[in-house]
């Protein structure tokens, strides 16, 4: 994001809202299970509805993207089409060591998307 930790954890500027407020565990391949629908529909919607003046949303990972965009396309396609979502929504891969190969295979992410995201974050936080 290109911001200081003090900005990242400033509750008046940034809200970190998980899809579910519980950890669903792992599948057989040791990947996170999807958020239970009851948790997401109960808690996520209430929290988002309580937030005022949302100016930028980062949809991090497949579960957040599927929920908010109502899209089942692969993460790579959603992230590659980031410009179509306008300046207020950025779909992003989950920041995990498991995505190192994805980052190598998709250099446009760091070259094109990240500079635009960082610029948008600066604009939103400085307005």
N, C-alpha and C. Protein backbone atom coordinates (compact mmCIF):
# COMPACT_ATOMS: atom_id res chain seq x y z
N UNK A 1 0.81 -1.20 0.00
CA UNK A 1 0.00 0.00 0.00
C UNK A 1 0.85 1.26 0.00
N UNK A 2 2.08 1.15 0.44
CA UNK A 2 2.96 2.29 0.42
C UNK A 2 2.66 3.32 1.50
N UNK A 3 2.15 2.87 2.64
CA UNK A 3 1.84 3.80 3.74
C UNK A 3 2.54 3.33 5.01
N UNK A 4 2.69 4.24 5.94
CA UNK A 4 3.33 3.93 7.21
C UNK A 4 2.39 3.08 8.08
N UNK A 5 2.97 2.26 8.96
CA UNK A 5 2.12 1.48 9.87
C UNK A 5 1.14 2.34 10.66
N UNK A 6 1.56 3.53 11.05
CA UNK A 6 0.65 4.40 11.82
C UNK A 6 -0.58 4.77 11.00
N UNK A 7 -0.44 4.94 9.69
CA UNK A 7 -1.59 5.21 8.84
C UNK A 7 -2.44 3.95 8.66
N UNK A 8 -1.77 2.83 8.45
CA UNK A 8 -2.48 1.57 8.22
C UNK A 8 -3.39 1.22 9.40
N UNK A 9 -2.91 1.47 10.61
CA UNK A 9 -3.68 1.12 11.80
C UNK A 9 -4.50 2.28 12.37
N UNK A 10 -4.64 3.35 11.63
CA UNK A 10 -5.46 4.48 12.05
C UNK A 10 -6.93 4.16 11.78
N UNK A 11 -7.68 3.89 12.83
CA UNK A 11 -9.08 3.48 12.69
C UNK A 11 -9.97 4.56 12.08
N UNK A 12 -9.54 5.79 12.14
CA UNK A 12 -10.33 6.87 11.54
C UNK A 12 -10.14 6.95 10.04
N UNK A 13 -9.12 6.27 9.52
CA UNK A 13 -8.82 6.34 8.09
C UNK A 13 -9.01 5.03 7.36
N UNK A 14 -8.73 3.92 8.03
CA UNK A 14 -8.73 2.62 7.37
C UNK A 14 -9.51 1.61 8.20
N UNK A 15 -10.37 0.86 7.54
CA UNK A 15 -11.09 -0.24 8.19
C UNK A 15 -10.64 -1.55 7.54
N UNK A 16 -10.26 -2.49 8.36
CA UNK A 16 -9.91 -3.82 7.88
C UNK A 16 -11.08 -4.71 8.26
N UNK A 17 -11.80 -5.17 7.24
CA UNK A 17 -13.02 -5.93 7.49
C UNK A 17 -12.87 -7.33 6.91
N UNK A 18 -12.76 -8.34 7.76
CA UNK A 18 -12.67 -9.71 7.24
C UNK A 18 -14.00 -10.16 6.65
N UNK A 19 -13.94 -11.16 5.81
CA UNK A 19 -15.18 -11.69 5.22
C UNK A 19 -16.03 -12.39 6.29
N UNK A 20 -15.39 -13.07 7.20
CA UNK A 20 -16.09 -13.72 8.30
C UNK A 20 -15.29 -13.43 9.56
N UNK A 21 -15.92 -13.47 10.68
CA UNK A 21 -15.23 -13.15 11.91
C UNK A 21 -14.90 -14.43 12.69
N UNK A 22 -14.47 -15.40 11.92
CA UNK A 22 -14.02 -16.67 12.49
C UNK A 22 -13.05 -17.29 11.48
N UNK A 23 -12.16 -18.13 11.95
CA UNK A 23 -11.24 -18.81 11.04
C UNK A 23 -11.86 -20.16 10.69
N UNK A 24 -12.13 -20.40 9.41
CA UNK A 24 -12.84 -21.62 9.02
C UNK A 24 -11.98 -22.87 8.95
N UNK A 25 -10.67 -22.73 9.08
CA UNK A 25 -9.79 -23.89 9.02
C UNK A 25 -9.19 -24.08 7.63
N UNK A 26 -8.59 -25.24 7.44
CA UNK A 26 -7.89 -25.54 6.20
C UNK A 26 -8.54 -26.71 5.47
N UNK A 27 -8.35 -26.74 4.14
CA UNK A 27 -8.80 -27.89 3.36
C UNK A 27 -7.67 -28.92 3.29
N UNK A 28 -7.87 -29.98 2.50
CA UNK A 28 -6.88 -31.06 2.40
C UNK A 28 -5.56 -30.58 1.80
N UNK A 29 -5.58 -29.49 1.03
CA UNK A 29 -4.35 -28.95 0.43
C UNK A 29 -3.70 -27.87 1.29
N UNK A 30 -4.19 -27.74 2.52
CA UNK A 30 -3.67 -26.78 3.48
C UNK A 30 -3.94 -25.33 3.08
N UNK A 31 -4.96 -25.11 2.29
CA UNK A 31 -5.40 -23.76 1.94
C UNK A 31 -6.59 -23.39 2.83
N UNK A 32 -6.76 -22.10 3.05
CA UNK A 32 -7.89 -21.66 3.88
C UNK A 32 -9.21 -22.09 3.26
N UNK A 33 -10.11 -22.58 4.10
CA UNK A 33 -11.47 -22.86 3.66
C UNK A 33 -12.18 -21.53 3.45
N UNK A 34 -13.23 -21.52 2.63
CA UNK A 34 -13.96 -20.26 2.45
C UNK A 34 -14.67 -19.85 3.74
N UNK A 35 -14.93 -18.56 3.87
CA UNK A 35 -15.65 -18.10 5.06
C UNK A 35 -17.04 -18.74 5.09
N UNK A 36 -17.48 -19.20 6.24
CA UNK A 36 -18.84 -19.74 6.32
C UNK A 36 -19.85 -18.67 5.91
N UNK A 37 -20.79 -19.04 5.05
CA UNK A 37 -21.76 -18.05 4.54
C UNK A 37 -22.53 -17.37 5.66
N UNK A 38 -22.84 -18.10 6.71
CA UNK A 38 -23.61 -17.50 7.80
C UNK A 38 -22.79 -16.39 8.47
N UNK A 39 -21.49 -16.58 8.61
CA UNK A 39 -20.65 -15.54 9.23
C UNK A 39 -20.56 -14.32 8.32
N UNK A 40 -20.30 -14.57 7.04
CA UNK A 40 -20.15 -13.45 6.11
C UNK A 40 -21.46 -12.67 6.00
N UNK A 41 -22.57 -13.37 5.85
CA UNK A 41 -23.84 -12.66 5.66
C UNK A 41 -24.30 -11.98 6.95
N UNK A 42 -23.93 -12.54 8.09
CA UNK A 42 -24.34 -11.93 9.35
C UNK A 42 -23.47 -10.75 9.73
N UNK A 43 -22.16 -10.95 9.74
CA UNK A 43 -21.27 -9.95 10.30
C UNK A 43 -20.67 -9.01 9.28
N UNK A 44 -20.25 -9.53 8.15
CA UNK A 44 -19.57 -8.68 7.17
C UNK A 44 -20.49 -7.56 6.68
N UNK A 45 -21.70 -7.91 6.31
CA UNK A 45 -22.64 -6.90 5.80
C UNK A 45 -22.94 -5.85 6.86
N UNK A 46 -23.10 -6.26 8.11
CA UNK A 46 -23.40 -5.30 9.18
C UNK A 46 -22.24 -4.33 9.39
N UNK A 47 -21.03 -4.86 9.38
CA UNK A 47 -19.88 -3.99 9.60
C UNK A 47 -19.73 -3.01 8.45
N UNK A 48 -19.79 -3.50 7.22
CA UNK A 48 -19.65 -2.61 6.06
C UNK A 48 -20.75 -1.55 6.07
N UNK A 49 -21.96 -1.94 6.42
CA UNK A 49 -23.07 -0.99 6.45
C UNK A 49 -22.86 0.09 7.52
N UNK A 50 -22.10 -0.22 8.55
CA UNK A 50 -21.88 0.75 9.63
C UNK A 50 -20.76 1.75 9.31
N UNK A 51 -20.03 1.52 8.25
CA UNK A 51 -18.91 2.41 7.91
C UNK A 51 -19.40 3.61 7.11
N UNK A 52 -18.88 4.76 7.46
CA UNK A 52 -19.24 5.98 6.75
C UNK A 52 -18.16 6.34 5.73
N UNK A 53 -18.57 6.90 4.62
CA UNK A 53 -17.65 7.50 3.67
C UNK A 53 -16.57 6.54 3.15
N UNK A 54 -16.97 5.37 2.68
CA UNK A 54 -16.01 4.44 2.10
C UNK A 54 -15.60 5.00 0.75
N UNK A 55 -14.31 5.28 0.60
CA UNK A 55 -13.82 5.88 -0.63
C UNK A 55 -12.96 4.93 -1.45
N UNK A 56 -12.50 3.86 -0.82
CA UNK A 56 -11.64 2.90 -1.51
C UNK A 56 -11.81 1.55 -0.86
N UNK A 57 -11.99 0.52 -1.69
CA UNK A 57 -12.15 -0.84 -1.18
C UNK A 57 -11.12 -1.73 -1.86
N UNK A 58 -10.33 -2.41 -1.04
CA UNK A 58 -9.38 -3.40 -1.54
C UNK A 58 -9.97 -4.77 -1.28
N UNK A 59 -10.26 -5.48 -2.36
CA UNK A 59 -10.83 -6.82 -2.25
C UNK A 59 -9.67 -7.81 -2.32
N UNK A 60 -9.27 -8.30 -1.17
CA UNK A 60 -8.06 -9.10 -1.07
C UNK A 60 -8.41 -10.58 -1.02
N UNK A 61 -8.05 -11.26 -2.09
CA UNK A 61 -8.26 -12.70 -2.17
C UNK A 61 -9.57 -13.09 -2.82
N UNK A 62 -9.64 -14.35 -3.15
CA UNK A 62 -10.77 -14.87 -3.92
C UNK A 62 -12.10 -14.75 -3.18
N UNK A 63 -12.10 -14.97 -1.87
CA UNK A 63 -13.37 -14.95 -1.14
C UNK A 63 -13.98 -13.55 -1.10
N UNK A 64 -13.17 -12.55 -0.84
CA UNK A 64 -13.67 -11.17 -0.83
C UNK A 64 -14.13 -10.75 -2.22
N UNK A 65 -13.39 -11.13 -3.24
CA UNK A 65 -13.75 -10.76 -4.60
C UNK A 65 -15.04 -11.45 -5.03
N UNK A 66 -15.16 -12.72 -4.74
CA UNK A 66 -16.38 -13.45 -5.11
C UNK A 66 -17.60 -12.85 -4.43
N UNK A 67 -17.47 -12.52 -3.15
CA UNK A 67 -18.58 -11.96 -2.37
C UNK A 67 -18.99 -10.58 -2.91
N UNK A 68 -18.05 -9.68 -3.04
CA UNK A 68 -18.36 -8.30 -3.41
C UNK A 68 -18.66 -8.12 -4.89
N UNK A 69 -17.97 -8.87 -5.72
CA UNK A 69 -18.16 -8.70 -7.17
C UNK A 69 -19.17 -9.68 -7.74
N UNK A 70 -19.61 -10.61 -6.93
CA UNK A 70 -20.55 -11.64 -7.38
C UNK A 70 -20.03 -12.31 -8.65
N UNK A 71 -18.75 -12.63 -8.64
CA UNK A 71 -18.09 -13.17 -9.81
C UNK A 71 -17.32 -14.42 -9.43
N UNK A 72 -17.42 -15.41 -10.26
CA UNK A 72 -16.69 -16.66 -10.02
C UNK A 72 -15.46 -16.78 -10.92
N UNK A 73 -15.12 -15.73 -11.65
CA UNK A 73 -13.94 -15.82 -12.51
C UNK A 73 -12.70 -15.97 -11.64
N UNK A 74 -11.63 -16.53 -12.18
CA UNK A 74 -10.40 -16.72 -11.40
C UNK A 74 -9.82 -15.38 -10.93
N UNK A 75 -9.10 -15.43 -9.83
CA UNK A 75 -8.50 -14.23 -9.25
C UNK A 75 -7.65 -13.50 -10.29
N UNK A 76 -6.87 -14.23 -11.06
CA UNK A 76 -6.01 -13.58 -12.05
C UNK A 76 -6.81 -12.71 -13.00
N UNK A 77 -7.95 -13.22 -13.46
CA UNK A 77 -8.79 -12.44 -14.38
C UNK A 77 -9.38 -11.22 -13.70
N UNK A 78 -9.86 -11.39 -12.48
CA UNK A 78 -10.44 -10.25 -11.76
C UNK A 78 -9.39 -9.18 -11.52
N UNK A 79 -8.20 -9.60 -11.08
CA UNK A 79 -7.14 -8.63 -10.81
C UNK A 79 -6.68 -7.99 -12.12
N UNK A 80 -6.58 -8.77 -13.18
CA UNK A 80 -6.15 -8.23 -14.47
C UNK A 80 -7.14 -7.21 -15.01
N UNK A 81 -8.39 -7.30 -14.63
CA UNK A 81 -9.43 -6.38 -15.09
C UNK A 81 -9.70 -5.27 -14.08
N UNK A 82 -8.72 -4.95 -13.27
CA UNK A 82 -8.91 -3.97 -12.19
C UNK A 82 -9.37 -2.62 -12.69
N UNK A 83 -8.95 -2.21 -13.87
CA UNK A 83 -9.33 -0.88 -14.39
C UNK A 83 -10.84 -0.77 -14.62
N UNK A 84 -11.48 -1.88 -14.91
CA UNK A 84 -12.92 -1.85 -15.20
C UNK A 84 -13.76 -1.58 -13.96
N UNK A 85 -13.16 -1.66 -12.78
CA UNK A 85 -13.91 -1.46 -11.54
C UNK A 85 -13.88 -0.01 -11.07
N UNK A 86 -13.17 0.81 -11.79
CA UNK A 86 -13.13 2.22 -11.42
C UNK A 86 -12.07 2.49 -10.38
N UNK A 87 -11.98 3.72 -9.95
CA UNK A 87 -10.89 4.07 -9.03
C UNK A 87 -11.14 3.68 -7.58
N UNK A 88 -12.33 3.17 -7.26
CA UNK A 88 -12.66 2.95 -5.85
C UNK A 88 -12.63 1.50 -5.41
N UNK A 89 -12.38 0.57 -6.34
CA UNK A 89 -12.30 -0.86 -6.00
C UNK A 89 -11.08 -1.45 -6.69
N UNK A 90 -10.26 -2.14 -5.89
CA UNK A 90 -9.09 -2.83 -6.42
C UNK A 90 -9.14 -4.29 -5.96
N UNK A 91 -9.30 -5.23 -6.88
CA UNK A 91 -9.17 -6.64 -6.51
C UNK A 91 -7.69 -7.00 -6.45
N UNK A 92 -7.28 -7.66 -5.40
CA UNK A 92 -5.88 -7.99 -5.20
C UNK A 92 -5.71 -9.45 -4.82
N UNK A 93 -4.59 -10.06 -5.20
CA UNK A 93 -4.33 -11.41 -4.72
C UNK A 93 -4.05 -11.37 -3.22
N UNK A 94 -4.28 -12.47 -2.56
CA UNK A 94 -4.00 -12.54 -1.13
C UNK A 94 -2.49 -12.44 -0.91
N UNK A 95 -2.05 -11.58 0.01
CA UNK A 95 -0.60 -11.44 0.23
C UNK A 95 -0.06 -12.62 1.04
N UNK A 96 0.43 -13.59 0.34
CA UNK A 96 0.90 -14.82 0.98
C UNK A 96 2.14 -15.31 0.26
N UNK A 97 2.99 -16.01 0.96
CA UNK A 97 4.16 -16.61 0.33
C UNK A 97 3.73 -17.58 -0.77
N UNK A 98 2.54 -18.08 -0.70
CA UNK A 98 2.05 -19.01 -1.72
C UNK A 98 1.85 -18.33 -3.07
N UNK A 99 1.79 -17.01 -3.06
CA UNK A 99 1.54 -16.26 -4.29
C UNK A 99 2.81 -15.77 -4.97
N UNK A 100 3.96 -16.17 -4.48
CA UNK A 100 5.21 -15.73 -5.11
C UNK A 100 5.25 -16.11 -6.59
N UNK A 101 4.82 -17.30 -6.94
CA UNK A 101 4.80 -17.74 -8.34
C UNK A 101 3.83 -16.88 -9.15
N UNK A 102 2.68 -16.55 -8.56
CA UNK A 102 1.69 -15.72 -9.22
C UNK A 102 2.30 -14.36 -9.55
N UNK A 103 3.03 -13.79 -8.62
CA UNK A 103 3.66 -12.48 -8.84
C UNK A 103 4.70 -12.55 -9.95
N UNK A 104 5.45 -13.63 -10.01
CA UNK A 104 6.44 -13.81 -11.08
C UNK A 104 5.75 -13.94 -12.43
N UNK A 105 4.66 -14.68 -12.46
CA UNK A 105 3.93 -14.92 -13.71
C UNK A 105 3.12 -13.72 -14.18
N UNK A 106 2.89 -12.77 -13.31
CA UNK A 106 2.06 -11.61 -13.62
C UNK A 106 2.79 -10.31 -13.28
N UNK A 107 3.87 -10.00 -13.99
CA UNK A 107 4.67 -8.80 -13.65
C UNK A 107 3.89 -7.50 -13.79
N UNK A 108 2.82 -7.48 -14.57
CA UNK A 108 1.98 -6.29 -14.72
C UNK A 108 1.39 -5.85 -13.38
N UNK A 109 1.24 -6.80 -12.46
CA UNK A 109 0.66 -6.46 -11.16
C UNK A 109 1.51 -5.41 -10.45
N UNK A 110 2.81 -5.68 -10.35
CA UNK A 110 3.70 -4.73 -9.68
C UNK A 110 4.03 -3.52 -10.54
N UNK A 111 4.04 -3.69 -11.86
CA UNK A 111 4.41 -2.60 -12.76
C UNK A 111 3.26 -1.62 -13.01
N UNK A 112 2.05 -2.14 -13.13
CA UNK A 112 0.90 -1.31 -13.53
C UNK A 112 -0.07 -1.04 -12.38
N UNK A 113 -0.54 -2.11 -11.75
CA UNK A 113 -1.58 -1.97 -10.74
C UNK A 113 -1.06 -1.30 -9.47
N UNK A 114 0.03 -1.79 -8.91
CA UNK A 114 0.48 -1.25 -7.62
C UNK A 114 0.77 0.25 -7.64
N UNK A 115 1.43 0.80 -8.66
CA UNK A 115 1.61 2.26 -8.65
C UNK A 115 0.28 3.02 -8.66
N UNK A 116 -0.69 2.52 -9.41
CA UNK A 116 -2.01 3.18 -9.44
C UNK A 116 -2.72 3.05 -8.10
N UNK A 117 -2.60 1.89 -7.48
CA UNK A 117 -3.21 1.69 -6.17
C UNK A 117 -2.58 2.62 -5.14
N UNK A 118 -1.27 2.67 -5.12
CA UNK A 118 -0.59 3.54 -4.15
C UNK A 118 -0.96 5.01 -4.37
N UNK A 119 -1.07 5.42 -5.62
CA UNK A 119 -1.47 6.81 -5.91
C UNK A 119 -2.89 7.06 -5.41
N UNK A 120 -3.77 6.11 -5.62
CA UNK A 120 -5.17 6.26 -5.17
C UNK A 120 -5.23 6.31 -3.64
N UNK A 121 -4.45 5.48 -2.99
CA UNK A 121 -4.41 5.48 -1.53
C UNK A 121 -3.94 6.84 -1.02
N UNK A 122 -2.89 7.38 -1.61
CA UNK A 122 -2.41 8.71 -1.21
C UNK A 122 -3.49 9.77 -1.38
N UNK A 123 -4.19 9.71 -2.51
CA UNK A 123 -5.26 10.69 -2.76
C UNK A 123 -6.34 10.57 -1.69
N UNK A 124 -6.78 9.37 -1.41
CA UNK A 124 -7.87 9.16 -0.45
C UNK A 124 -7.44 9.60 0.96
N UNK A 125 -6.24 9.24 1.35
CA UNK A 125 -5.80 9.57 2.71
C UNK A 125 -5.47 11.06 2.87
N UNK A 126 -5.14 11.75 1.78
CA UNK A 126 -4.77 13.15 1.90
C UNK A 126 -5.91 14.12 1.63
N UNK A 127 -7.04 13.63 1.20
CA UNK A 127 -8.20 14.52 0.96
C UNK A 127 -8.92 14.86 2.24
